[in-house]
């Protein structure tokens, strides 16, 4: 894991936050960076795509619905052929 310093995205590096409640030239000390204007950002270097052994089926999207890899029959008797 690598950590770098980045400009605080909440205050744009100023250390002073101006949002919906701060008006007419008022500001507060940025809570995200504690007024420093900078925040640490940690990340893992990408080396290669990893394999998942727990996935049986891949869909393009779930479109907001519950999906699975096994066939299901609902309480109403409707058959959902997820395995196909």
PDB file of N, CA and C in Angstrom:
ATOM      1  N   UNK A   1       0.840  -1.171   0.000  1.00  0.00           N
ATOM      2  CA  UNK A   1       0.000   0.000   0.000  1.00  0.00           C
ATOM      3  C   UNK A   1       0.888   1.239   0.000  1.00  0.00           C
ATOM      4  N   UNK A   2       0.561   2.158  -0.875  1.00  0.00           N
ATOM      5  CA  UNK A   2       1.300   3.420  -0.954  1.00  0.00           C
ATOM      6  C   UNK A   2       0.409   4.544  -0.456  1.00  0.00           C
ATOM      7  N   UNK A   3       1.011   5.524   0.174  1.00  0.00           N
ATOM      8  CA  UNK A   3       0.281   6.699   0.643  1.00  0.00           C
ATOM      9  C   UNK A   3       0.962   7.943   0.105  1.00  0.00           C
ATOM     10  N   UNK A   4       0.163   8.815  -0.479  1.00  0.00           N
ATOM     11  CA  UNK A   4       0.672  10.088  -0.990  1.00  0.00           C
ATOM     12  C   UNK A   4      -0.156  11.221  -0.390  1.00  0.00           C
ATOM     13  N   UNK A   5       0.342  12.433  -0.481  1.00  0.00           N
ATOM     14  CA  UNK A   5      -0.401  13.600  -0.044  1.00  0.00           C
ATOM     15  C   UNK A   5      -1.125  14.192  -1.245  1.00  0.00           C
ATOM     16  N   UNK A   6      -2.430  14.476  -1.054  1.00  0.00           N
ATOM     17  CA  UNK A   6      -3.205  15.093  -2.127  1.00  0.00           C
ATOM     18  C   UNK A   6      -3.891  16.346  -1.596  1.00  0.00           C
ATOM     19  N   UNK A   7      -4.249  17.233  -2.505  1.00  0.00           N
ATOM     20  CA  UNK A   7      -5.009  18.415  -2.135  1.00  0.00           C
ATOM     21  C   UNK A   7      -6.367  17.984  -1.601  1.00  0.00           C
ATOM     22  N   UNK A   8      -6.790  18.567  -0.509  1.00  0.00           N
ATOM     23  CA  UNK A   8      -8.079  18.239   0.080  1.00  0.00           C
ATOM     24  C   UNK A   8      -9.185  18.606  -0.909  1.00  0.00           C
ATOM     25  N   UNK A   9     -10.022  17.636  -1.235  1.00  0.00           N
ATOM     26  CA  UNK A   9     -11.077  17.887  -2.205  1.00  0.00           C
ATOM     27  C   UNK A   9     -12.260  18.639  -1.594  1.00  0.00           C
ATOM     28  N   UNK A  10     -12.348  18.696  -0.275  1.00  0.00           N
ATOM     29  CA  UNK A  10     -13.445  19.424   0.371  1.00  0.00           C
ATOM     30  C   UNK A  10     -13.218  20.927   0.366  1.00  0.00           C
ATOM     31  N   UNK A  11     -11.989  21.356   0.625  1.00  0.00           N
ATOM     32  CA  UNK A  11     -11.691  22.796   0.704  1.00  0.00           C
ATOM     33  C   UNK A  11     -10.812  23.282  -0.443  1.00  0.00           C
ATOM     34  N   UNK A  12     -10.494  22.408  -1.374  1.00  0.00           N
ATOM     35  CA  UNK A  12      -9.648  22.738  -2.534  1.00  0.00           C
ATOM     36  C   UNK A  12      -8.270  23.239  -2.124  1.00  0.00           C
ATOM     37  N   UNK A  13      -7.758  22.690  -1.000  1.00  0.00           N
ATOM     38  CA  UNK A  13      -6.406  23.011  -0.563  1.00  0.00           C
ATOM     39  C   UNK A  13      -6.277  24.271   0.266  1.00  0.00           C
ATOM     40  N   UNK A  14      -7.366  24.935   0.590  1.00  0.00           N
ATOM     41  CA  UNK A  14      -7.288  26.190   1.341  1.00  0.00           C
ATOM     42  C   UNK A  14      -7.305  25.977   2.849  1.00  0.00           C
ATOM     43  N   UNK A  15      -7.847  24.855   3.299  1.00  0.00           N
ATOM     44  CA  UNK A  15      -8.015  24.621   4.729  1.00  0.00           C
ATOM     45  C   UNK A  15      -9.281  25.267   5.267  1.00  0.00           C
ATOM     46  N   UNK A  16      -9.970  26.030   4.407  1.00  0.00           N
ATOM     47  CA  UNK A  16     -11.202  26.718   4.793  1.00  0.00           C
ATOM     48  C   UNK A  16     -12.359  26.175   3.965  1.00  0.00           C
ATOM     49  N   UNK A  17     -13.402  25.767   4.659  1.00  0.00           N
ATOM     50  CA  UNK A  17     -14.552  25.172   3.971  1.00  0.00           C
ATOM     51  C   UNK A  17     -15.690  26.185   3.859  1.00  0.00           C
ATOM     52  N   UNK A  18     -16.242  26.334   2.672  1.00  0.00           N
ATOM     53  CA  UNK A  18     -17.413  27.162   2.429  1.00  0.00           C
ATOM     54  C   UNK A  18     -18.441  26.272   1.748  1.00  0.00           C
ATOM     55  N   UNK A  19     -19.567  26.064   2.434  1.00  0.00           N
ATOM     56  CA  UNK A  19     -20.619  25.207   1.896  1.00  0.00           C
ATOM     57  C   UNK A  19     -21.951  25.927   1.917  1.00  0.00           C
ATOM     58  N   UNK A  20     -23.023  25.157   2.069  1.00  0.00           N
ATOM     59  CA  UNK A  20     -24.371  25.739   2.039  1.00  0.00           C
ATOM     60  C   UNK A  20     -24.637  26.661   3.230  1.00  0.00           C
ATOM     61  N   UNK A  21     -24.077  26.361   4.396  1.00  0.00           N
ATOM     62  CA  UNK A  21     -24.378  27.138   5.599  1.00  0.00           C
ATOM     63  C   UNK A  21     -23.465  28.357   5.773  1.00  0.00           C
ATOM     64  N   UNK A  22     -22.343  28.390   5.091  1.00  0.00           N
ATOM     65  CA  UNK A  22     -21.382  29.491   5.233  1.00  0.00           C
ATOM     66  C   UNK A  22     -21.682  30.522   4.140  1.00  0.00           C
ATOM     67  N   UNK A  23     -22.043  31.722   4.556  1.00  0.00           N
ATOM     68  CA  UNK A  23     -22.469  32.740   3.594  1.00  0.00           C
ATOM     69  C   UNK A  23     -21.780  34.078   3.846  1.00  0.00           C
ATOM     70  N   UNK A  24     -21.872  34.915   2.840  1.00  0.00           N
ATOM     71  CA  UNK A  24     -21.405  36.311   2.933  1.00  0.00           C
ATOM     72  C   UNK A  24     -19.970  36.422   3.441  1.00  0.00           C
ATOM     73  N   UNK A  25     -19.091  35.598   2.903  1.00  0.00           N
ATOM     74  CA  UNK A  25     -17.678  35.672   3.252  1.00  0.00           C
ATOM     75  C   UNK A  25     -17.269  34.858   4.468  1.00  0.00           C
ATOM     76  N   UNK A  26     -18.194  34.081   5.048  1.00  0.00           N
ATOM     77  CA  UNK A  26     -17.863  33.256   6.213  1.00  0.00           C
ATOM     78  C   UNK A  26     -17.351  31.892   5.763  1.00  0.00           C
ATOM     79  N   UNK A  27     -16.468  31.329   6.554  1.00  0.00           N
ATOM     80  CA  UNK A  27     -15.922  29.997   6.302  1.00  0.00           C
ATOM     81  C   UNK A  27     -15.672  29.323   7.636  1.00  0.00           C
ATOM     82  N   UNK A  28     -15.495  28.028   7.611  1.00  0.00           N
ATOM     83  CA  UNK A  28     -15.117  27.270   8.804  1.00  0.00           C
ATOM     84  C   UNK A  28     -13.844  26.500   8.498  1.00  0.00           C
ATOM     85  N   UNK A  29     -13.146  26.091   9.538  1.00  0.00           N
ATOM     86  CA  UNK A  29     -11.966  25.260   9.342  1.00  0.00           C
ATOM     87  C   UNK A  29     -12.432  23.934   8.753  1.00  0.00           C
ATOM     88  N   UNK A  30     -11.799  23.512   7.700  1.00  0.00           N
ATOM     89  CA  UNK A  30     -12.191  22.295   7.002  1.00  0.00           C
ATOM     90  C   UNK A  30     -12.096  21.085   7.932  1.00  0.00           C
ATOM     91  N   UNK A  31     -13.195  20.388   8.066  1.00  0.00           N
ATOM     92  CA  UNK A  31     -13.254  19.220   8.928  1.00  0.00           C
ATOM     93  C   UNK A  31     -12.534  18.020   8.308  1.00  0.00           C
ATOM     94  N   UNK A  32     -12.491  17.958   7.004  1.00  0.00           N
ATOM     95  CA  UNK A  32     -11.872  16.820   6.319  1.00  0.00           C
ATOM     96  C   UNK A  32     -10.356  16.795   6.486  1.00  0.00           C
ATOM     97  N   UNK A  33      -9.721  17.966   6.406  1.00  0.00           N
ATOM     98  CA  UNK A  33      -8.255  18.034   6.494  1.00  0.00           C
ATOM     99  C   UNK A  33      -7.775  18.753   7.751  1.00  0.00           C
ATOM    100  N   UNK A  34      -8.707  19.135   8.605  1.00  0.00           N
ATOM    101  CA  UNK A  34      -8.387  19.854   9.855  1.00  0.00           C
ATOM    102  C   UNK A  34      -7.655  21.165   9.598  1.00  0.00           C
ATOM    103  N   UNK A  35      -7.967  21.807   8.465  1.00  0.00           N
ATOM    104  CA  UNK A  35      -7.401  23.108   8.148  1.00  0.00           C
ATOM    105  C   UNK A  35      -6.043  23.085   7.473  1.00  0.00           C
ATOM    106  N   UNK A  36      -5.523  21.915   7.171  1.00  0.00           N
ATOM    107  CA  UNK A  36      -4.181  21.815   6.574  1.00  0.00           C
ATOM    108  C   UNK A  36      -4.185  21.967   5.056  1.00  0.00           C
ATOM    109  N   UNK A  37      -5.326  21.697   4.421  1.00  0.00           N
ATOM    110  CA  UNK A  37      -5.411  21.801   2.966  1.00  0.00           C
ATOM    111  C   UNK A  37      -4.903  20.576   2.237  1.00  0.00           C
ATOM    112  N   UNK A  38      -4.404  19.604   2.981  1.00  0.00           N
ATOM    113  CA  UNK A  38      -3.835  18.398   2.383  1.00  0.00           C
ATOM    114  C   UNK A  38      -4.366  17.178   3.132  1.00  0.00           C
ATOM    115  N   UNK A  39      -4.530  16.094   2.388  1.00  0.00           N
ATOM    116  CA  UNK A  39      -5.002  14.846   2.997  1.00  0.00           C
ATOM    117  C   UNK A  39      -4.165  13.684   2.486  1.00  0.00           C
ATOM    118  N   UNK A  40      -3.994  12.659   3.323  1.00  0.00           N
ATOM    119  CA  UNK A  40      -3.302  11.462   2.832  1.00  0.00           C
ATOM    120  C   UNK A  40      -4.249  10.644   1.957  1.00  0.00           C
ATOM    121  N   UNK A  41      -3.717  10.017   0.959  1.00  0.00           N
ATOM    122  CA  UNK A  41      -4.487   9.148   0.069  1.00  0.00           C
ATOM    123  C   UNK A  41      -3.711   7.846  -0.071  1.00  0.00           C
ATOM    124  N   UNK A  42      -4.328   6.748   0.310  1.00  0.00           N
ATOM    125  CA  UNK A  42      -3.672   5.436   0.231  1.00  0.00           C
ATOM    126  C   UNK A  42      -4.254   4.617  -0.910  1.00  0.00           C
ATOM    127  N   UNK A  43      -3.401   3.872  -1.564  1.00  0.00           N
ATOM    128  CA  UNK A  43      -3.853   3.037  -2.678  1.00  0.00           C
ATOM    129  C   UNK A  43      -2.903   1.859  -2.857  1.00  0.00           C
ATOM    130  N   UNK A  44      -3.407   0.851  -3.523  1.00  0.00           N
ATOM    131  CA  UNK A  44      -2.601  -0.309  -3.898  1.00  0.00           C
ATOM    132  C   UNK A  44      -2.247  -0.188  -5.368  1.00  0.00           C
ATOM    133  N   UNK A  45      -0.993  -0.395  -5.703  1.00  0.00           N
ATOM    134  CA  UNK A  45      -0.563  -0.365  -7.096  1.00  0.00           C
ATOM    135  C   UNK A  45      -1.220  -1.527  -7.842  1.00  0.00           C
ATOM    136  N   UNK A  46      -1.707  -1.254  -9.054  1.00  0.00           N
ATOM    137  CA  UNK A  46      -2.292  -2.306  -9.871  1.00  0.00           C
ATOM    138  C   UNK A  46      -1.182  -3.052 -10.587  1.00  0.00           C
ATOM    139  N   UNK A  47      -1.164  -4.360 -10.426  1.00  0.00           N
ATOM    140  CA  UNK A  47      -0.161  -5.185 -11.086  1.00  0.00           C
ATOM    141  C   UNK A  47      -0.815  -6.024 -12.173  1.00  0.00           C
ATOM    142  N   UNK A  48      -1.901  -6.704 -11.798  1.00  0.00           N
ATOM    143  CA  UNK A  48      -2.664  -7.478 -12.764  1.00  0.00           C
ATOM    144  C   UNK A  48      -4.053  -7.732 -12.201  1.00  0.00           C
ATOM    145  N   UNK A  49      -4.991  -8.068 -13.081  1.00  0.00           N
ATOM    146  CA  UNK A  49      -6.340  -8.360 -12.631  1.00  0.00           C
ATOM    147  C   UNK A  49      -6.329  -9.659 -11.854  1.00  0.00           C
ATOM    148  N   UNK A  50      -7.035  -9.659 -10.710  1.00  0.00           N
ATOM    149  CA  UNK A  50      -7.063 -10.822  -9.834  1.00  0.00           C
ATOM    150  C   UNK A  50      -8.214 -11.741 -10.192  1.00  0.00           C
ATOM    151  N   UNK A  51      -8.078 -13.010  -9.810  1.00  0.00           N
ATOM    152  CA  UNK A  51      -9.089 -14.013 -10.097  1.00  0.00           C
ATOM    153  C   UNK A  51     -10.011 -14.168  -8.891  1.00  0.00           C
ATOM    154  N   UNK A  52     -11.311 -14.390  -9.150  1.00  0.00           N
ATOM    155  CA  UNK A  52     -12.287 -14.679  -8.092  1.00  0.00           C
ATOM    156  C   UNK A  52     -12.782 -16.097  -8.286  1.00  0.00           C
ATOM    157  N   UNK A  53     -12.612 -16.915  -7.263  1.00  0.00           N
ATOM    158  CA  UNK A  53     -13.052 -18.303  -7.336  1.00  0.00           C
ATOM    159  C   UNK A  53     -14.473 -18.499  -6.814  1.00  0.00           C
ATOM    160  N   UNK A  54     -15.076 -17.454  -6.235  1.00  0.00           N
ATOM    161  CA  UNK A  54     -16.409 -17.583  -5.646  1.00  0.00           C
ATOM    162  C   UNK A  54     -17.532 -17.161  -6.592  1.00  0.00           C
ATOM    163  N   UNK A  55     -17.220 -16.819  -7.841  1.00  0.00           N
ATOM    164  CA  UNK A  55     -18.224 -16.355  -8.798  1.00  0.00           C
ATOM    165  C   UNK A  55     -18.537 -17.465  -9.793  1.00  0.00           C
ATOM    166  N   UNK A  56     -19.843 -17.749  -9.953  1.00  0.00           N
ATOM    167  CA  UNK A  56     -20.290 -18.775 -10.889  1.00  0.00           C
ATOM    168  C   UNK A  56     -20.861 -18.189 -12.173  1.00  0.00           C
ATOM    169  N   UNK A  57     -21.424 -16.997 -12.089  1.00  0.00           N
ATOM    170  CA  UNK A  57     -22.062 -16.385 -13.249  1.00  0.00           C
ATOM    171  C   UNK A  57     -21.839 -14.880 -13.199  1.00  0.00           C
ATOM    172  N   UNK A  58     -21.624 -14.261 -14.367  1.00  0.00           N
ATOM    173  CA  UNK A  58     -21.403 -12.826 -14.464  1.00  0.00           C
ATOM    174  C   UNK A  58     -22.508 -12.207 -15.320  1.00  0.00           C
ATOM    175  N   UNK A  59     -23.095 -11.124 -14.807  1.00  0.00           N
ATOM    176  CA  UNK A  59     -24.112 -10.378 -15.521  1.00  0.00           C
ATOM    177  C   UNK A  59     -23.534  -9.023 -15.918  1.00  0.00           C
ATOM    178  N   UNK A  60     -24.111  -8.410 -16.925  1.00  0.00           N
ATOM    179  CA  UNK A  60     -23.676  -7.072 -17.322  1.00  0.00           C
ATOM    180  C   UNK A  60     -24.026  -6.055 -16.241  1.00  0.00           C
ATOM    181  N   UNK A  61     -25.206  -6.193 -15.624  1.00  0.00           N
ATOM    182  CA  UNK A  61     -25.659  -5.303 -14.551  1.00  0.00           C
ATOM    183  C   UNK A  61     -26.785  -6.000 -13.810  1.00  0.00           C
ATOM    184  N   UNK A  62     -27.083  -5.534 -12.590  1.00  0.00           N
ATOM    185  CA  UNK A  62     -28.213  -6.103 -11.850  1.00  0.00           C
ATOM    186  C   UNK A  62     -29.465  -5.253 -12.044  1.00  0.00           C
ATOM    187  N   UNK A  63     -29.304  -4.054 -12.610  1.00  0.00           N
ATOM    188  CA  UNK A  63     -30.416  -3.148 -12.882  1.00  0.00           C
ATOM    189  C   UNK A  63     -31.270  -2.911 -11.638  1.00  0.00           C
ATOM    190  N   UNK A  64     -30.675  -3.001 -10.454  1.00  0.00           N
ATOM    191  CA  UNK A  64     -31.371  -2.745  -9.207  1.00  0.00           C
ATOM    192  C   UNK A  64     -32.137  -3.925  -8.657  1.00  0.00           C
ATOM    193  N   UNK A  65     -32.043  -5.096  -9.294  1.00  0.00           N
ATOM    194  CA  UNK A  65     -32.743  -6.289  -8.837  1.00  0.00           C
ATOM    195  C   UNK A  65     -31.774  -7.249  -8.156  1.00  0.00           C
ATOM    196  N   UNK A  66     -32.310  -8.104  -7.291  1.00  0.00           N
ATOM    197  CA  UNK A  66     -31.500  -9.154  -6.676  1.00  0.00           C
ATOM    198  C   UNK A  66     -31.264 -10.226  -7.721  1.00  0.00           C
ATOM    199  N   UNK A  67     -30.020 -10.646  -7.880  1.00  0.00           N
ATOM    200  CA  UNK A  67     -29.685 -11.688  -8.848  1.00  0.00           C
ATOM    201  C   UNK A  67     -28.863 -12.767  -8.164  1.00  0.00           C
ATOM    202  N   UNK A  68     -28.761 -13.906  -8.790  1.00  0.00           N
ATOM    203  CA  UNK A  68     -27.973 -15.003  -8.248  1.00  0.00           C
ATOM    204  C   UNK A  68     -27.449 -15.864  -9.375  1.00  0.00           C
ATOM    205  N   UNK A  69     -26.784 -16.945  -9.021  1.00  0.00           N
ATOM    206  CA  UNK A  69     -26.224 -17.849 -10.015  1.00  0.00           C
ATOM    207  C   UNK A  69     -27.035 -19.143 -10.110  1.00  0.00           C
ATOM    208  N   UNK A  70     -27.936 -19.372  -9.158  1.00  0.00           N
ATOM    209  CA  UNK A  70     -28.742 -20.596  -9.126  1.00  0.00           C
ATOM    210  C   UNK A  70     -30.187 -20.274  -9.498  1.00  0.00           C
ATOM    211  N   UNK A  71     -30.890 -21.248 -10.089  1.00  0.00           N
ATOM    212  CA  UNK A  71     -32.309 -21.090 -10.402  1.00  0.00           C
ATOM    213  C   UNK A  71     -33.108 -20.887  -9.123  1.00  0.00           C
ATOM    214  N   UNK A  72     -34.183 -20.094  -9.232  1.00  0.00           N
ATOM    215  CA  UNK A  72     -35.023 -19.797  -8.076  1.00  0.00           C
ATOM    216  C   UNK A  72     -36.486 -19.957  -8.470  1.00  0.00           C
ATOM    217  N   UNK A  73     -37.281 -20.484  -7.562  1.00  0.00           N
ATOM    218  CA  UNK A  73     -38.730 -20.475  -7.709  1.00  0.00           C
ATOM    219  C   UNK A  73     -39.272 -19.593  -6.590  1.00  0.00           C
ATOM    220  N   UNK A  74     -39.996 -18.530  -6.960  1.00  0.00           N
ATOM    221  CA  UNK A  74     -40.502 -17.576  -5.973  1.00  0.00           C
ATOM    222  C   UNK A  74     -41.643 -18.191  -5.174  1.00  0.00           C
ATOM    223  N   UNK A  75     -42.044 -17.510  -4.098  1.00  0.00           N
ATOM    224  CA  UNK A  75     -43.171 -17.964  -3.281  1.00  0.00           C
ATOM    225  C   UNK A  75     -44.461 -18.027  -4.086  1.00  0.00           C
ATOM    226  N   UNK A  76     -44.542 -17.214  -5.123  1.00  0.00           N
ATOM    227  CA  UNK A  76     -45.730 -17.205  -5.994  1.00  0.00           C
ATOM    228  C   UNK A  76     -45.666 -18.297  -7.061  1.00  0.00           C
ATOM    229  N   UNK A  77     -44.592 -19.060  -7.080  1.00  0.00           N
ATOM    230  CA  UNK A  77     -44.450 -20.152  -8.038  1.00  0.00           C
ATOM    231  C   UNK A  77     -43.784 -19.792  -9.339  1.00  0.00           C
ATOM    232  N   UNK A  78     -43.275 -18.579  -9.458  1.00  0.00           N
ATOM    233  CA  UNK A  78     -42.609 -18.159 -10.700  1.00  0.00           C
ATOM    234  C   UNK A  78     -41.176 -18.685 -10.725  1.00  0.00           C
ATOM    235  N   UNK A  79     -40.798 -19.319 -11.835  1.00  0.00           N
ATOM    236  CA  UNK A  79     -39.462 -19.893 -12.006  1.00  0.00           C
ATOM    237  C   UNK A  79     -38.540 -18.846 -12.631  1.00  0.00           C
ATOM    238  N   UNK A  80     -37.404 -18.612 -11.988  1.00  0.00           N
ATOM    239  CA  UNK A  80     -36.405 -17.674 -12.492  1.00  0.00           C
ATOM    240  C   UNK A  80     -35.134 -18.462 -12.836  1.00  0.00           C
ATOM    241  N   UNK A  81     -34.861 -18.627 -14.127  1.00  0.00           N
ATOM    242  CA  UNK A  81     -33.726 -19.456 -14.570  1.00  0.00           C
ATOM    243  C   UNK A  81     -32.394 -18.703 -14.548  1.00  0.00           C
ATOM    244  N   UNK A  82     -31.912 -18.332 -13.368  1.00  0.00           N
ATOM    245  CA  UNK A  82     -30.650 -17.595 -13.265  1.00  0.00           C
ATOM    246  C   UNK A  82     -29.456 -18.379 -13.805  1.00  0.00           C
ATOM    247  N   UNK A  83     -29.504 -19.693 -13.747  1.00  0.00           N
ATOM    248  CA  UNK A  83     -28.354 -20.478 -14.193  1.00  0.00           C
ATOM    249  C   UNK A  83     -28.207 -20.452 -15.723  1.00  0.00           C
ATOM    250  N   UNK A  84     -29.210 -19.988 -16.402  1.00  0.00           N
ATOM    251  CA  UNK A  84     -29.167 -19.936 -17.880  1.00  0.00           C
ATOM    252  C   UNK A  84     -28.769 -18.566 -18.322  1.00  0.00           C
TER     253      UNK A  84
END
